[in-house]
N, C-alpha and C. Protein backbone atom coordinates (compact mmCIF):
# COMPACT_ATOMS: atom_id res chain seq x y z
N GLN A 1 0.76 -1.00 -0.03
CA GLN A 1 0.31 0.09 0.02
C GLN A 1 0.82 0.76 0.15
N VAL A 2 0.31 2.08 -1.09
CA VAL A 2 1.71 3.18 -0.91
C VAL A 2 1.47 4.32 0.18
N GLN A 3 2.01 4.90 0.87
CA GLN A 3 1.41 5.96 2.06
C GLN A 3 2.40 6.72 1.24
N LEU A 4 1.89 8.72 1.06
CA LEU A 4 3.10 9.83 1.54
C LEU A 4 2.92 10.38 2.99
N VAL A 5 3.86 10.93 3.71
CA VAL A 5 2.98 11.20 4.75
C VAL A 5 4.23 12.85 4.59
N GLU A 6 4.00 13.84 4.60
CA GLU A 6 4.60 15.35 4.86
C GLU A 6 4.35 15.55 6.11
N SER A 7 5.05 16.43 6.80
CA SER A 7 6.25 16.96 7.80
C SER A 7 6.86 18.39 7.34
N GLY A 8 6.51 19.12 8.90
CA GLY A 8 7.23 20.39 8.43
C GLY A 8 6.82 21.35 8.56
N GLY A 9 5.34 20.76 8.62
CA GLY A 9 3.73 22.82 8.32
C GLY A 9 4.78 22.98 9.60
N GLY A 10 4.01 24.80 10.09
CA GLY A 10 4.04 24.81 11.50
C GLY A 10 2.94 26.72 11.30
N LEU A 11 3.27 27.41 12.88
CA LEU A 11 2.98 28.38 11.38
C LEU A 11 4.72 29.66 12.34
N VAL A 12 3.60 30.15 10.85
CA VAL A 12 5.79 30.93 10.51
C VAL A 12 5.13 32.43 10.94
N ARG A 13 5.82 33.59 11.07
CA ARG A 13 5.57 34.87 10.72
C ARG A 13 5.99 35.37 9.57
N PRO A 14 5.01 36.18 8.36
CA PRO A 14 5.72 36.58 7.26
C PRO A 14 7.51 37.55 7.39
N GLY A 15 7.73 36.96 6.29
CA GLY A 15 8.82 36.64 5.81
C GLY A 15 9.36 35.52 6.30
N GLY A 16 9.14 35.00 7.53
CA GLY A 16 9.46 33.64 7.43
C GLY A 16 10.21 32.53 6.31
N SER A 17 10.40 31.45 7.03
CA SER A 17 10.82 30.33 6.14
C SER A 17 10.93 29.16 7.16
N LEU A 18 9.67 27.85 5.78
CA LEU A 18 10.00 26.79 6.47
C LEU A 18 10.55 25.63 5.06
N ARG A 19 10.62 24.66 5.60
CA ARG A 19 10.98 23.46 4.58
C ARG A 19 10.25 22.32 4.99
N LEU A 20 9.16 21.69 4.29
CA LEU A 20 8.58 20.82 4.31
C LEU A 20 8.68 19.47 3.59
N SER A 21 8.57 18.22 3.97
CA SER A 21 9.11 17.47 3.49
C SER A 21 8.00 16.12 2.89
N CYS A 22 8.38 15.03 2.02
CA CYS A 22 7.36 14.30 2.19
C CYS A 22 8.84 12.93 1.31
N VAL A 23 7.57 11.44 1.76
CA VAL A 23 8.08 10.81 2.27
C VAL A 23 7.05 9.28 1.67
N ALA A 24 7.49 8.93 0.73
CA ALA A 24 6.24 7.63 -0.15
C ALA A 24 7.27 6.40 0.45
N SER A 25 5.29 5.06 1.07
CA SER A 25 6.61 4.04 1.16
C SER A 25 5.34 3.12 0.63
N GLY A 26 5.94 2.49 0.62
CA GLY A 26 5.10 0.83 -0.63
C GLY A 26 5.98 1.12 -1.82
N LYS A 27 5.02 0.39 -3.07
CA LYS A 27 5.80 0.05 -4.93
C LYS A 27 5.08 1.25 -4.95
N ILE A 28 5.81 2.49 -5.83
CA ILE A 28 4.74 2.59 -6.29
C ILE A 28 5.51 2.89 -8.53
N GLY A 29 4.60 2.48 -9.54
CA GLY A 29 5.73 1.94 -10.76
C GLY A 29 5.46 3.00 -11.18
N GLY A 30 7.05 2.92 -12.04
CA GLY A 30 7.10 4.04 -13.26
C GLY A 30 7.14 5.50 -12.18
N LEU A 31 7.58 5.68 -10.92
CA LEU A 31 7.70 6.64 -10.57
C LEU A 31 8.19 7.53 -11.24
N TYR A 32 7.37 9.08 -12.11
CA TYR A 32 8.79 9.84 -12.35
C TYR A 32 8.14 11.13 -12.20
N ALA A 33 7.32 11.65 -11.41
CA ALA A 33 6.75 12.80 -10.77
C ALA A 33 6.51 12.43 -9.05
N MET A 34 7.05 13.75 -9.00
CA MET A 34 6.98 14.05 -7.49
C MET A 34 6.28 15.06 -7.11
N GLY A 35 5.51 16.07 -5.93
CA GLY A 35 5.18 17.54 -6.93
C GLY A 35 3.94 18.28 -4.95
N TRP A 36 3.90 19.32 -4.75
CA TRP A 36 3.46 19.71 -3.76
C TRP A 36 2.35 20.72 -4.37
N TYR A 37 1.03 20.59 -3.36
CA TYR A 37 -0.49 21.12 -3.88
C TYR A 37 -0.87 22.26 -2.33
N ARG A 38 -1.31 22.67 -2.35
CA ARG A 38 -1.87 23.10 -0.77
C ARG A 38 -3.48 23.79 -1.21
N GLN A 39 -3.89 23.30 -0.40
CA GLN A 39 -5.78 23.76 -0.13
C GLN A 39 -5.87 25.71 0.30
N VAL A 40 -7.05 25.78 0.84
CA VAL A 40 -7.54 26.58 1.54
C VAL A 40 -9.20 26.06 1.87
N VAL A 41 -9.51 25.42 3.17
CA VAL A 41 -10.79 26.03 2.96
C VAL A 41 -11.81 26.78 2.05
N GLY A 42 -12.73 25.91 1.34
CA GLY A 42 -13.46 26.50 0.95
C GLY A 42 -13.14 26.83 -1.29
N ARG A 43 -11.49 26.45 -0.79
CA ARG A 43 -11.47 26.60 -2.19
C ARG A 43 -10.39 25.53 -3.10
N GLN A 44 -10.49 25.53 -3.68
CA GLN A 44 -10.01 23.97 -4.57
C GLN A 44 -8.33 24.49 -4.27
N ARG A 45 -8.30 22.56 -4.84
CA ARG A 45 -6.76 22.18 -4.73
C ARG A 45 -5.81 23.19 -5.65
N GLU A 46 -4.50 23.96 -4.76
CA GLU A 46 -3.33 24.76 -6.41
C GLU A 46 -3.10 23.92 -6.45
N PHE A 47 -1.91 23.97 -6.97
CA PHE A 47 -1.15 22.84 -8.01
C PHE A 47 0.13 24.24 -7.09
N ILE A 48 1.60 23.62 -6.49
CA ILE A 48 1.59 24.82 -6.14
C ILE A 48 3.63 24.42 -7.24
N ALA A 49 3.79 23.32 -7.33
CA ALA A 49 5.35 22.99 -7.71
C ALA A 49 5.78 21.31 -7.92
N THR A 50 6.54 20.78 -8.94
CA THR A 50 6.04 19.48 -9.10
C THR A 50 8.07 19.13 -9.86
N SER A 51 8.81 17.70 -9.04
CA SER A 51 10.03 17.41 -9.60
C SER A 51 9.76 17.01 -10.73
N THR A 52 10.82 15.59 -11.46
CA THR A 52 10.42 15.01 -12.37
C THR A 52 11.34 13.80 -12.14
N ASN A 53 11.55 13.01 -12.61
CA ASN A 53 13.46 11.79 -12.69
C ASN A 53 13.67 12.32 -13.41
N ARG A 54 13.91 13.52 -13.88
CA ARG A 54 14.18 13.82 -15.70
C ARG A 54 14.79 15.48 -14.63
N ASP A 55 14.99 16.24 -13.11
CA ASP A 55 15.37 16.51 -12.82
C ASP A 55 15.32 17.74 -13.76
N THR A 56 13.03 18.23 -14.15
CA THR A 56 12.92 19.18 -14.64
C THR A 56 12.64 19.43 -13.34
N THR A 57 11.81 20.62 -12.99
CA THR A 57 10.62 21.37 -12.11
C THR A 57 10.00 22.38 -12.84
N ASP A 58 9.21 22.97 -12.28
CA ASP A 58 7.07 24.16 -12.24
C ASP A 58 7.66 24.18 -11.20
N TYR A 59 7.18 25.00 -11.65
CA TYR A 59 5.72 25.76 -10.25
C TYR A 59 5.43 27.27 -10.73
N ALA A 60 4.02 26.39 -9.73
CA ALA A 60 3.54 28.56 -9.94
C ALA A 60 4.06 30.07 -9.94
N ASP A 61 3.05 30.79 -10.68
CA ASP A 61 3.98 31.74 -11.21
C ASP A 61 3.90 32.19 -9.61
N SER A 62 2.49 31.80 -8.57
CA SER A 62 2.40 32.54 -7.10
C SER A 62 3.77 32.42 -5.97
N VAL A 63 4.99 31.29 -7.21
CA VAL A 63 5.20 30.87 -5.34
C VAL A 63 6.67 31.35 -6.41
N LYS A 64 7.26 31.33 -7.59
CA LYS A 64 8.52 31.64 -8.08
C LYS A 64 9.09 33.02 -7.57
N GLY A 65 10.67 31.88 -7.81
CA GLY A 65 11.47 33.12 -6.72
C GLY A 65 11.74 32.87 -5.26
N ARG A 66 10.02 32.33 -4.68
CA ARG A 66 10.08 32.25 -3.25
C ARG A 66 10.79 30.89 -2.49
N PHE A 67 10.37 29.49 -3.09
CA PHE A 67 10.18 28.06 -3.14
C PHE A 67 10.03 27.50 -3.79
N THR A 68 10.95 26.48 -3.13
CA THR A 68 12.54 25.45 -4.17
C THR A 68 12.17 24.39 -4.33
N ILE A 69 11.72 23.93 -4.66
CA ILE A 69 11.33 21.91 -4.39
C ILE A 69 12.29 21.45 -4.72
N SER A 70 12.99 20.12 -4.35
CA SER A 70 14.02 19.33 -4.53
C SER A 70 13.49 17.54 -4.53
N GLY A 71 13.34 17.12 -5.15
CA GLY A 71 12.81 15.03 -5.19
C GLY A 71 14.12 13.94 -5.34
N ASP A 72 14.42 13.24 -4.61
CA ASP A 72 15.03 12.12 -4.81
C ASP A 72 14.19 11.20 -5.24
N PHE A 73 13.95 10.62 -6.34
CA PHE A 73 13.70 10.01 -6.64
C PHE A 73 13.94 8.73 -5.81
N VAL A 74 15.16 7.69 -5.87
CA VAL A 74 15.48 6.99 -5.13
C VAL A 74 15.09 6.70 -3.75
N ASN A 75 14.44 7.73 -3.18
CA ASN A 75 13.68 7.41 -2.19
C ASN A 75 12.78 7.43 -1.51
N LYS A 76 12.19 8.66 -2.39
CA LYS A 76 10.89 8.56 -3.06
C LYS A 76 10.64 9.88 -2.58
N THR A 77 11.16 10.60 -1.91
CA THR A 77 11.21 11.64 -1.03
C THR A 77 11.24 13.79 -1.97
N VAL A 78 10.79 13.13 -1.42
CA VAL A 78 10.45 15.69 -1.78
C VAL A 78 10.33 16.44 -1.09
N TYR A 79 10.85 17.60 -1.05
CA TYR A 79 11.23 18.36 -0.40
C TYR A 79 11.11 20.25 -1.01
N LEU A 80 10.21 20.61 -0.20
CA LEU A 80 10.19 22.00 -0.77
C LEU A 80 9.92 22.96 0.34
N GLN A 81 11.00 23.74 -0.09
CA GLN A 81 11.34 25.01 0.24
C GLN A 81 11.03 26.46 0.22
N LEU A 82 10.08 26.78 1.47
CA LEU A 82 9.88 28.32 1.69
C LEU A 82 9.89 29.50 2.14
N ASN A 83 10.60 29.94 0.87
CA ASN A 83 11.29 31.39 1.07
C ASN A 83 9.86 32.48 1.38
N SER A 84 10.82 33.66 1.73
CA SER A 84 9.92 34.64 2.41
C SER A 84 8.28 34.24 1.87
N LEU A 85 7.65 33.63 3.12
CA LEU A 85 6.34 33.96 3.19
C LEU A 85 5.71 34.74 3.35
N LYS A 86 4.27 34.38 3.09
CA LYS A 86 3.47 36.33 3.06
C LYS A 86 2.22 35.26 3.70
N LEU A 87 1.28 36.03 3.75
CA LEU A 87 0.10 35.89 4.83
C LEU A 87 -1.04 34.90 4.09
N GLU A 88 -0.90 35.13 2.16
CA GLU A 88 -2.07 34.58 1.73
C GLU A 88 -1.34 32.76 1.27
N ASP A 89 0.05 32.51 1.77
CA ASP A 89 0.97 31.10 2.12
C ASP A 89 0.15 30.53 2.56
N THR A 90 -1.11 30.83 3.97
CA THR A 90 -1.15 29.35 4.25
C THR A 90 -2.43 29.15 3.96
N ALA A 91 -2.45 28.10 3.93
CA ALA A 91 -2.26 26.54 3.60
C ALA A 91 -2.65 25.39 4.26
N VAL A 92 -3.40 24.93 3.61
CA VAL A 92 -2.98 22.67 4.07
C VAL A 92 -1.75 21.99 2.65
N TYR A 93 -0.77 22.12 3.26
CA TYR A 93 0.69 21.73 2.18
C TYR A 93 0.48 20.12 1.37
N TYR A 94 -0.84 19.68 0.40
CA TYR A 94 0.16 17.62 0.47
C TYR A 94 0.15 17.51 -0.62
N CYS A 95 1.71 16.58 -0.34
CA CYS A 95 2.36 16.02 -1.46
C CYS A 95 1.79 14.50 -2.52
N SER A 96 2.78 15.46 -3.30
CA SER A 96 1.79 13.91 -5.02
C SER A 96 2.83 13.38 -5.30
N ALA A 97 2.72 12.04 -5.81
CA ALA A 97 3.97 11.13 -6.34
C ALA A 97 3.01 10.51 -7.42
N GLU A 98 3.73 10.81 -8.71
CA GLU A 98 2.37 10.04 -9.52
C GLU A 98 3.58 9.07 -10.50
N GLY A 99 2.91 8.20 -10.47
CA GLY A 99 3.66 6.71 -11.24
C GLY A 99 2.93 6.73 -12.41
N ILE A 100 2.73 4.89 -12.99
CA ILE A 100 1.79 4.74 -13.49
C ILE A 100 1.41 3.67 -12.19
N GLY A 101 0.65 3.46 -12.95
CA GLY A 101 -1.18 1.70 -12.42
C GLY A 101 -0.30 0.72 -12.87
N THR A 102 -1.46 -0.33 -12.52
CA THR A 102 -1.30 -1.50 -12.25
C THR A 102 -1.98 -1.22 -14.50
N ASN A 103 -2.89 -0.74 -14.31
CA ASN A 103 -3.38 -1.02 -15.19
C ASN A 103 -2.49 0.34 -16.94
N GLY A 104 -1.35 -0.18 -16.46
CA GLY A 104 -1.13 1.00 -17.66
C GLY A 104 -1.11 2.86 -17.56
N ARG A 105 -1.89 2.67 -16.46
CA ARG A 105 -2.11 4.26 -17.09
C ARG A 105 -1.80 5.15 -15.89
N PRO A 106 -1.19 6.06 -15.58
CA PRO A 106 -1.16 7.60 -15.11
C PRO A 106 -2.19 7.29 -13.92
N ARG A 107 -1.18 6.98 -12.27
CA ARG A 107 -1.54 7.17 -11.22
C ARG A 107 -1.73 8.37 -9.98
N LYS A 108 -2.51 9.37 -9.94
CA LYS A 108 -1.37 10.01 -8.69
C LYS A 108 -2.13 10.01 -7.30
N TYR A 109 -0.78 10.05 -6.67
CA TYR A 109 -1.03 8.87 -4.45
C TYR A 109 -0.78 10.93 -4.10
N TRP A 110 -1.31 10.48 -2.98
CA TRP A 110 -2.06 12.01 -1.87
C TRP A 110 -1.38 11.36 -0.94
N GLY A 111 -0.70 12.39 -0.23
CA GLY A 111 -1.02 12.70 1.13
C GLY A 111 -1.62 13.31 1.62
N GLN A 112 -1.48 13.35 3.91
CA GLN A 112 -2.56 13.64 3.98
C GLN A 112 -2.51 15.33 4.18
N GLY A 113 -1.13 16.01 4.50
CA GLY A 113 -1.49 17.29 4.25
C GLY A 113 -0.33 17.90 5.53
N THR A 114 -0.55 18.55 5.51
CA THR A 114 1.16 19.04 6.48
C THR A 114 0.38 21.49 7.00
N GLU A 115 -0.39 21.31 8.32
CA GLU A 115 -0.98 22.76 8.06
C GLU A 115 0.24 24.09 7.64
N VAL A 116 0.14 24.76 7.14
CA VAL A 116 0.87 25.93 6.53
C VAL A 116 1.08 27.55 7.43
N THR A 117 0.96 28.14 8.36
CA THR A 117 0.24 29.71 8.80
C THR A 117 0.92 30.18 8.62
N VAL A 118 0.77 31.20 8.58
CA VAL A 118 1.69 32.72 8.04
C VAL A 118 1.00 34.39 8.59
N SER A 119 1.28 34.19 9.96
CA SER A 119 0.23 34.37 10.51
C SER A 119 1.89 35.83 11.40
N SER A 120 1.22 36.73 11.89
CA SER A 120 1.70 37.83 12.93
C SER A 120 1.33 38.06 13.99
C-alpha cells in the first residue's frame, strides 16, 4: 500500500521560512514526478510545484522565486523550501507522487497534508 507522509508545517511570521518534507512508502510503479499542492478551506486545491525524474521542475507563478522543490526519486522523497512567506501562503500543503498504475494508466497518490500558517 502506498503512503505519503508530509512533515515540516507550522506557524511562521511573514517573511519567514519553512521546509516541508514528504516521504513515500510502498511500491509506486514507474514513479516519474513528485510535487506539492495546497488548499485553503472553501477553495480548490492548487498546484504549487513539481519535480520529475528527469530533473525538471515547474512552479506556480505565485511561488516562483520564493519556493524551491527538490526530489529524491531513489528514496521517494520530495522537499519544498518555502522562503519569504506571505499571509496568503497559509494553507494545508499536500504532497503528491505520480506513477503508472497496474492498468498502465497514470496514477497520482496523495498525502494527508501538513498545515502551514503564516501570521504575525
